[in-house]
Amino acid sequence: DPKGLYKKARAGEIPNFTGIGSSYEPPEAPELHLRSDQASPDALAQQVIALLEARGML
């Protein structure tokens, strides 16, 4: 946390901060589901790159 946002949120300086004052709500239909328990970091990175390339973002 290079910006110190979580520290500020825990101190009450940032209300409704995800994971501190507001719960994380996973997306109903994620565009990409990465299974870190089933693939290596390199394989997961390739999945992200493939999605970005397919969308013309890379």
N, C-alpha and C. Protein backbone atom coordinates (compact mmCIF):
# COMPACT_ATOMS: atom_id res chain seq x y z
N ASP A 1 0.84 -1.18 0.00
CA ASP A 1 0.00 0.00 0.00
C ASP A 1 0.89 1.25 0.00
N PRO A 2 1.49 1.57 -1.14
CA PRO A 2 2.43 2.69 -1.21
C PRO A 2 1.82 4.05 -0.88
N LYS A 3 0.52 4.20 -1.08
CA LYS A 3 -0.12 5.48 -0.79
C LYS A 3 -0.64 5.58 0.64
N GLY A 4 -0.58 4.48 1.37
CA GLY A 4 -1.03 4.49 2.76
C GLY A 4 -2.54 4.57 2.93
N LEU A 5 -3.28 4.17 1.91
CA LEU A 5 -4.74 4.29 1.97
C LEU A 5 -5.36 3.36 3.00
N TYR A 6 -4.83 2.14 3.11
CA TYR A 6 -5.40 1.21 4.09
C TYR A 6 -5.15 1.71 5.51
N LYS A 7 -4.00 2.27 5.76
CA LYS A 7 -3.70 2.84 7.07
C LYS A 7 -4.67 3.96 7.40
N LYS A 8 -4.94 4.83 6.42
CA LYS A 8 -5.89 5.92 6.61
C LYS A 8 -7.30 5.38 6.84
N ALA A 9 -7.68 4.35 6.09
CA ALA A 9 -9.02 3.77 6.24
C ALA A 9 -9.18 3.16 7.62
N ARG A 10 -8.16 2.45 8.09
CA ARG A 10 -8.23 1.85 9.43
C ARG A 10 -8.31 2.92 10.52
N ALA A 11 -7.72 4.08 10.26
CA ALA A 11 -7.76 5.18 11.22
C ALA A 11 -9.07 5.96 11.12
N GLY A 12 -9.94 5.59 10.19
CA GLY A 12 -11.23 6.25 10.06
C GLY A 12 -11.19 7.48 9.19
N GLU A 13 -10.09 7.73 8.52
CA GLU A 13 -9.96 8.92 7.68
C GLU A 13 -10.62 8.76 6.32
N ILE A 14 -10.80 7.50 5.88
CA ILE A 14 -11.46 7.24 4.59
C ILE A 14 -12.66 6.33 4.86
N PRO A 15 -13.87 6.86 4.82
CA PRO A 15 -15.04 6.02 5.07
C PRO A 15 -15.37 5.13 3.87
N ASN A 16 -16.00 4.02 4.13
CA ASN A 16 -16.47 3.09 3.09
C ASN A 16 -15.37 2.61 2.16
N PHE A 17 -14.20 2.37 2.71
CA PHE A 17 -13.07 1.88 1.91
C PHE A 17 -13.21 0.37 1.76
N THR A 18 -13.15 -0.13 0.53
CA THR A 18 -13.34 -1.55 0.27
C THR A 18 -12.37 -2.40 1.09
N GLY A 19 -12.93 -3.37 1.79
CA GLY A 19 -12.12 -4.27 2.61
C GLY A 19 -11.96 -3.78 4.04
N ILE A 20 -12.28 -2.53 4.31
CA ILE A 20 -12.16 -1.99 5.67
C ILE A 20 -13.55 -1.59 6.16
N GLY A 21 -14.12 -0.52 5.62
CA GLY A 21 -15.43 -0.05 6.05
C GLY A 21 -16.55 -0.47 5.13
N SER A 22 -16.20 -1.09 4.03
CA SER A 22 -17.17 -1.54 3.05
C SER A 22 -16.74 -2.92 2.56
N SER A 23 -17.67 -3.83 2.47
CA SER A 23 -17.30 -5.19 2.08
C SER A 23 -17.05 -5.28 0.58
N TYR A 24 -16.24 -6.26 0.20
CA TYR A 24 -15.96 -6.52 -1.21
C TYR A 24 -17.12 -7.31 -1.78
N GLU A 25 -17.63 -6.87 -2.91
CA GLU A 25 -18.71 -7.58 -3.58
C GLU A 25 -18.18 -8.09 -4.92
N PRO A 26 -18.01 -9.41 -5.04
CA PRO A 26 -17.49 -9.94 -6.29
C PRO A 26 -18.47 -9.70 -7.44
N PRO A 27 -17.96 -9.54 -8.65
CA PRO A 27 -18.84 -9.31 -9.80
C PRO A 27 -19.72 -10.53 -10.07
N GLU A 28 -20.93 -10.27 -10.56
CA GLU A 28 -21.86 -11.36 -10.86
C GLU A 28 -21.40 -12.17 -12.08
N ALA A 29 -20.83 -11.50 -13.05
CA ALA A 29 -20.38 -12.16 -14.27
C ALA A 29 -18.99 -11.63 -14.63
N PRO A 30 -17.95 -12.14 -13.99
CA PRO A 30 -16.60 -11.62 -14.27
C PRO A 30 -16.19 -11.90 -15.72
N GLU A 31 -15.44 -10.98 -16.28
CA GLU A 31 -14.96 -11.14 -17.65
C GLU A 31 -13.84 -12.17 -17.73
N LEU A 32 -13.15 -12.36 -16.62
CA LEU A 32 -12.04 -13.30 -16.58
C LEU A 32 -11.93 -13.82 -15.15
N HIS A 33 -11.83 -15.13 -15.01
CA HIS A 33 -11.69 -15.75 -13.70
C HIS A 33 -10.34 -16.44 -13.68
N LEU A 34 -9.42 -15.90 -12.88
CA LEU A 34 -8.08 -16.47 -12.80
C LEU A 34 -7.99 -17.40 -11.60
N ARG A 35 -7.60 -18.63 -11.82
CA ARG A 35 -7.49 -19.64 -10.77
C ARG A 35 -6.02 -19.81 -10.40
N SER A 36 -5.59 -19.08 -9.39
CA SER A 36 -4.18 -19.14 -8.99
C SER A 36 -3.81 -20.46 -8.33
N ASP A 37 -4.82 -21.25 -7.98
CA ASP A 37 -4.55 -22.57 -7.42
C ASP A 37 -4.37 -23.63 -8.50
N GLN A 38 -4.63 -23.25 -9.75
CA GLN A 38 -4.56 -24.23 -10.84
C GLN A 38 -3.60 -23.85 -11.95
N ALA A 39 -2.99 -22.67 -11.88
CA ALA A 39 -2.09 -22.25 -12.95
C ALA A 39 -0.96 -21.42 -12.37
N SER A 40 0.14 -21.38 -13.10
CA SER A 40 1.30 -20.61 -12.67
C SER A 40 1.06 -19.11 -12.92
N PRO A 41 1.82 -18.27 -12.24
CA PRO A 41 1.70 -16.82 -12.49
C PRO A 41 1.90 -16.47 -13.97
N ASP A 42 2.85 -17.13 -14.63
CA ASP A 42 3.08 -16.86 -16.06
C ASP A 42 1.86 -17.24 -16.90
N ALA A 43 1.26 -18.37 -16.61
CA ALA A 43 0.07 -18.80 -17.35
C ALA A 43 -1.10 -17.84 -17.11
N LEU A 44 -1.24 -17.37 -15.88
CA LEU A 44 -2.31 -16.42 -15.57
C LEU A 44 -2.08 -15.10 -16.28
N ALA A 45 -0.82 -14.65 -16.32
CA ALA A 45 -0.50 -13.42 -17.03
C ALA A 45 -0.84 -13.55 -18.51
N GLN A 46 -0.58 -14.71 -19.08
CA GLN A 46 -0.90 -14.94 -20.49
C GLN A 46 -2.41 -14.88 -20.73
N GLN A 47 -3.20 -15.34 -19.76
CA GLN A 47 -4.65 -15.25 -19.90
C GLN A 47 -5.10 -13.79 -19.94
N VAL A 48 -4.51 -12.98 -19.09
CA VAL A 48 -4.84 -11.55 -19.05
C VAL A 48 -4.44 -10.89 -20.37
N ILE A 49 -3.23 -11.18 -20.81
CA ILE A 49 -2.74 -10.60 -22.07
C ILE A 49 -3.62 -11.03 -23.24
N ALA A 50 -4.01 -12.30 -23.28
CA ALA A 50 -4.87 -12.79 -24.36
C ALA A 50 -6.21 -12.06 -24.38
N LEU A 51 -6.80 -11.82 -23.22
CA LEU A 51 -8.06 -11.10 -23.15
C LEU A 51 -7.89 -9.67 -23.65
N LEU A 52 -6.83 -9.01 -23.22
CA LEU A 52 -6.58 -7.63 -23.64
C LEU A 52 -6.32 -7.55 -25.15
N GLU A 53 -5.59 -8.52 -25.68
CA GLU A 53 -5.35 -8.55 -27.13
C GLU A 53 -6.64 -8.80 -27.89
N ALA A 54 -7.46 -9.70 -27.40
CA ALA A 54 -8.74 -10.02 -28.07
C ALA A 54 -9.66 -8.79 -28.12
N ARG A 55 -9.50 -7.92 -27.16
CA ARG A 55 -10.33 -6.70 -27.10
C ARG A 55 -9.67 -5.51 -27.76
N GLY A 56 -8.50 -5.73 -28.34
CA GLY A 56 -7.80 -4.65 -29.02
C GLY A 56 -7.20 -3.63 -28.09
N MET A 57 -6.93 -4.04 -26.87
CA MET A 57 -6.37 -3.11 -25.89
C MET A 57 -4.85 -3.20 -25.84
N LEU A 58 -4.29 -4.22 -26.47
CA LEU A 58 -2.83 -4.36 -26.56
C LEU A 58 -2.44 -4.55 -28.00
